[in-house]
């Protein structure tokens, strides 16, 4: 898997969840920098990514994420 493809998938998933088709994410993007990326949206995104990639994230792993790049790292490590 390539980082840019995962970034694109995360952007697609989150854009659908927060209903913002103009959303553009970078690896440095985070809930603090993206309007409407709240805890519910985050939970929905995690569930969708787990389903999409057939993986499971641990609670501590999710809590350690500070930006989209961390999510990509987690997906690549699975």
N, C-alpha and C. Protein backbone atom coordinates (compact mmCIF):
# COMPACT_ATOMS: atom_id res chain seq x y z
N UNK A 1 0.84 -1.19 0.00
CA UNK A 1 0.00 0.00 0.00
C UNK A 1 0.88 1.25 0.00
N UNK A 2 0.40 2.25 -0.65
CA UNK A 2 1.15 3.50 -0.72
C UNK A 2 0.48 4.56 0.15
N UNK A 3 1.31 5.40 0.75
CA UNK A 3 0.82 6.44 1.68
C UNK A 3 -0.23 7.33 1.02
N UNK A 4 0.03 7.75 -0.22
CA UNK A 4 -0.90 8.69 -0.86
C UNK A 4 -2.26 8.03 -1.13
N UNK A 5 -2.28 6.72 -1.37
CA UNK A 5 -3.56 6.03 -1.59
C UNK A 5 -4.35 5.93 -0.28
N UNK A 6 -3.63 5.67 0.81
CA UNK A 6 -4.29 5.61 2.11
C UNK A 6 -4.81 6.99 2.50
N UNK A 7 -4.00 8.03 2.27
CA UNK A 7 -4.42 9.41 2.55
C UNK A 7 -5.68 9.73 1.76
N UNK A 8 -5.73 9.33 0.51
CA UNK A 8 -6.90 9.57 -0.33
C UNK A 8 -8.13 8.87 0.23
N UNK A 9 -7.96 7.64 0.71
CA UNK A 9 -9.09 6.89 1.27
C UNK A 9 -9.58 7.54 2.56
N UNK A 10 -8.64 7.95 3.44
CA UNK A 10 -9.03 8.63 4.68
C UNK A 10 -9.80 9.91 4.35
N UNK A 11 -9.32 10.65 3.38
CA UNK A 11 -9.99 11.89 2.97
C UNK A 11 -11.39 11.60 2.46
N UNK A 12 -11.52 10.57 1.64
CA UNK A 12 -12.83 10.20 1.10
C UNK A 12 -13.80 9.81 2.22
N UNK A 13 -13.33 8.99 3.15
CA UNK A 13 -14.17 8.52 4.26
C UNK A 13 -14.59 9.69 5.14
N UNK A 14 -13.63 10.50 5.55
CA UNK A 14 -13.93 11.62 6.44
C UNK A 14 -14.82 12.65 5.75
N UNK A 15 -14.56 12.93 4.50
CA UNK A 15 -15.39 13.89 3.75
C UNK A 15 -16.85 13.45 3.73
N UNK A 16 -17.07 12.15 3.56
CA UNK A 16 -18.44 11.62 3.56
C UNK A 16 -19.07 11.75 4.94
N UNK A 17 -18.30 11.44 5.97
CA UNK A 17 -18.82 11.48 7.34
C UNK A 17 -19.21 12.89 7.76
N UNK A 18 -18.34 13.86 7.46
CA UNK A 18 -18.62 15.23 7.90
C UNK A 18 -19.35 16.04 6.83
N UNK A 19 -19.70 15.38 5.73
CA UNK A 19 -20.45 16.01 4.65
C UNK A 19 -19.74 17.25 4.12
N UNK A 20 -18.48 17.05 3.73
CA UNK A 20 -17.68 18.14 3.17
C UNK A 20 -16.90 17.59 1.98
N UNK A 21 -17.50 17.63 0.82
CA UNK A 21 -16.87 17.08 -0.38
C UNK A 21 -15.67 17.90 -0.85
N UNK A 22 -15.47 19.09 -0.28
CA UNK A 22 -14.32 19.93 -0.64
C UNK A 22 -13.14 19.68 0.30
N UNK A 23 -13.27 18.73 1.21
CA UNK A 23 -12.23 18.46 2.19
C UNK A 23 -10.93 18.04 1.51
N UNK A 24 -9.84 18.66 1.95
CA UNK A 24 -8.50 18.29 1.50
C UNK A 24 -7.66 18.04 2.74
N UNK A 25 -7.19 16.81 2.87
CA UNK A 25 -6.36 16.44 4.01
C UNK A 25 -4.90 16.36 3.61
N UNK A 26 -4.05 16.64 4.58
CA UNK A 26 -2.61 16.43 4.46
C UNK A 26 -2.23 15.51 5.61
N UNK A 27 -1.02 14.98 5.57
CA UNK A 27 -0.60 14.10 6.66
C UNK A 27 -0.58 14.83 8.00
N UNK A 28 -0.43 16.13 7.97
CA UNK A 28 -0.40 16.92 9.21
C UNK A 28 -1.79 17.31 9.70
N UNK A 29 -2.84 17.02 8.92
CA UNK A 29 -4.21 17.37 9.32
C UNK A 29 -4.60 16.59 10.58
N UNK A 30 -5.43 17.24 11.40
CA UNK A 30 -5.88 16.62 12.66
C UNK A 30 -7.27 17.14 12.99
N UNK A 31 -7.90 16.55 14.00
CA UNK A 31 -9.22 17.07 14.41
C UNK A 31 -9.17 18.56 14.78
N UNK A 32 -8.04 19.02 15.24
CA UNK A 32 -7.90 20.44 15.62
C UNK A 32 -7.87 21.35 14.40
N UNK A 33 -7.52 20.81 13.23
CA UNK A 33 -7.39 21.65 12.03
C UNK A 33 -8.49 21.44 11.00
N UNK A 34 -9.38 20.47 11.26
CA UNK A 34 -10.46 20.16 10.32
C UNK A 34 -11.80 20.41 10.98
N UNK A 35 -12.54 21.36 10.44
CA UNK A 35 -13.86 21.70 10.98
C UNK A 35 -14.78 20.49 10.92
N UNK A 36 -15.52 20.27 11.97
CA UNK A 36 -16.51 19.19 12.10
C UNK A 36 -15.91 17.80 12.33
N UNK A 37 -14.58 17.70 12.48
CA UNK A 37 -13.96 16.41 12.81
C UNK A 37 -14.01 16.28 14.33
N UNK A 38 -15.15 15.85 14.82
CA UNK A 38 -15.34 15.71 16.26
C UNK A 38 -15.20 14.24 16.67
N UNK A 39 -15.46 13.95 17.92
CA UNK A 39 -15.26 12.58 18.42
C UNK A 39 -16.17 11.57 17.73
N UNK A 40 -17.40 11.95 17.42
CA UNK A 40 -18.29 11.04 16.72
C UNK A 40 -17.78 10.76 15.31
N UNK A 41 -17.37 11.79 14.61
CA UNK A 41 -16.82 11.63 13.26
C UNK A 41 -15.56 10.76 13.31
N UNK A 42 -14.75 10.96 14.34
CA UNK A 42 -13.52 10.19 14.50
C UNK A 42 -13.86 8.71 14.68
N UNK A 43 -14.83 8.42 15.54
CA UNK A 43 -15.25 7.04 15.78
C UNK A 43 -15.77 6.40 14.49
N UNK A 44 -16.60 7.12 13.77
CA UNK A 44 -17.15 6.60 12.52
C UNK A 44 -16.03 6.34 11.50
N UNK A 45 -15.05 7.24 11.45
CA UNK A 45 -13.93 7.08 10.53
C UNK A 45 -13.13 5.83 10.89
N UNK A 46 -12.84 5.65 12.18
CA UNK A 46 -12.10 4.48 12.63
C UNK A 46 -12.83 3.20 12.22
N UNK A 47 -14.11 3.14 12.46
CA UNK A 47 -14.90 1.95 12.13
C UNK A 47 -14.87 1.68 10.62
N UNK A 48 -15.01 2.72 9.84
CA UNK A 48 -15.00 2.57 8.38
C UNK A 48 -13.63 2.12 7.88
N UNK A 49 -12.56 2.68 8.42
CA UNK A 49 -11.21 2.28 7.99
C UNK A 49 -10.92 0.84 8.39
N UNK A 50 -11.36 0.43 9.56
CA UNK A 50 -11.17 -0.97 9.97
C UNK A 50 -11.89 -1.91 9.00
N UNK A 51 -13.09 -1.54 8.62
CA UNK A 51 -13.86 -2.34 7.67
C UNK A 51 -13.19 -2.34 6.29
N UNK A 52 -12.80 -1.18 5.84
CA UNK A 52 -12.18 -1.03 4.52
C UNK A 52 -10.92 -1.87 4.37
N UNK A 53 -10.08 -1.85 5.39
CA UNK A 53 -8.78 -2.52 5.31
C UNK A 53 -8.76 -3.88 6.02
N UNK A 54 -9.86 -4.30 6.63
CA UNK A 54 -9.91 -5.59 7.29
C UNK A 54 -8.94 -5.70 8.46
N UNK A 55 -8.83 -4.61 9.23
CA UNK A 55 -7.89 -4.55 10.36
C UNK A 55 -8.62 -4.08 11.61
N UNK A 56 -7.95 -4.17 12.73
CA UNK A 56 -8.47 -3.65 14.00
C UNK A 56 -7.41 -2.75 14.63
N UNK A 57 -7.84 -1.62 15.14
CA UNK A 57 -6.95 -0.71 15.87
C UNK A 57 -7.19 -0.90 17.36
N UNK A 58 -6.14 -0.84 18.15
CA UNK A 58 -6.28 -0.89 19.60
C UNK A 58 -6.62 0.48 20.15
N UNK A 59 -7.23 0.50 21.34
CA UNK A 59 -7.61 1.77 21.96
C UNK A 59 -6.43 2.69 22.20
N UNK A 60 -5.34 2.14 22.72
CA UNK A 60 -4.14 2.95 22.98
C UNK A 60 -3.56 3.48 21.68
N UNK A 61 -3.62 2.67 20.64
CA UNK A 61 -3.12 3.07 19.33
C UNK A 61 -3.91 4.27 18.81
N UNK A 62 -5.23 4.20 18.91
CA UNK A 62 -6.09 5.29 18.44
C UNK A 62 -5.84 6.56 19.25
N UNK A 63 -5.69 6.42 20.56
CA UNK A 63 -5.46 7.59 21.41
C UNK A 63 -4.11 8.25 21.13
N UNK A 64 -3.17 7.49 20.60
CA UNK A 64 -1.84 8.04 20.31
C UNK A 64 -1.81 8.85 19.01
N UNK A 65 -2.85 8.71 18.18
CA UNK A 65 -2.88 9.44 16.91
C UNK A 65 -3.00 10.94 17.17
N UNK A 66 -2.13 11.72 16.54
CA UNK A 66 -2.22 13.17 16.64
C UNK A 66 -2.53 13.82 15.29
N UNK A 67 -2.36 13.04 14.21
CA UNK A 67 -2.60 13.59 12.88
C UNK A 67 -2.88 12.45 11.90
N UNK A 68 -3.24 12.78 10.70
CA UNK A 68 -3.55 11.80 9.67
C UNK A 68 -2.34 10.91 9.39
N UNK A 69 -1.15 11.46 9.44
CA UNK A 69 0.06 10.67 9.21
C UNK A 69 0.18 9.52 10.18
N UNK A 70 -0.24 9.73 11.42
CA UNK A 70 -0.22 8.64 12.42
C UNK A 70 -1.20 7.54 12.05
N UNK A 71 -2.35 7.91 11.52
CA UNK A 71 -3.34 6.92 11.08
C UNK A 71 -2.77 6.10 9.94
N UNK A 72 -2.13 6.77 9.00
CA UNK A 72 -1.51 6.08 7.87
C UNK A 72 -0.45 5.10 8.37
N UNK A 73 0.38 5.55 9.31
CA UNK A 73 1.40 4.66 9.88
C UNK A 73 0.78 3.41 10.49
N UNK A 74 -0.33 3.58 11.21
CA UNK A 74 -1.01 2.45 11.83
C UNK A 74 -1.53 1.47 10.79
N UNK A 75 -2.11 1.99 9.73
CA UNK A 75 -2.64 1.13 8.68
C UNK A 75 -1.49 0.36 8.00
N UNK A 76 -0.41 1.05 7.73
CA UNK A 76 0.74 0.40 7.09
C UNK A 76 1.39 -0.66 7.96
N UNK A 77 1.28 -0.51 9.28
CA UNK A 77 1.90 -1.46 10.19
C UNK A 77 1.10 -2.76 10.34
N UNK A 78 -0.11 -2.78 9.80
CA UNK A 78 -0.98 -3.97 9.97
C UNK A 78 -0.75 -4.99 8.89
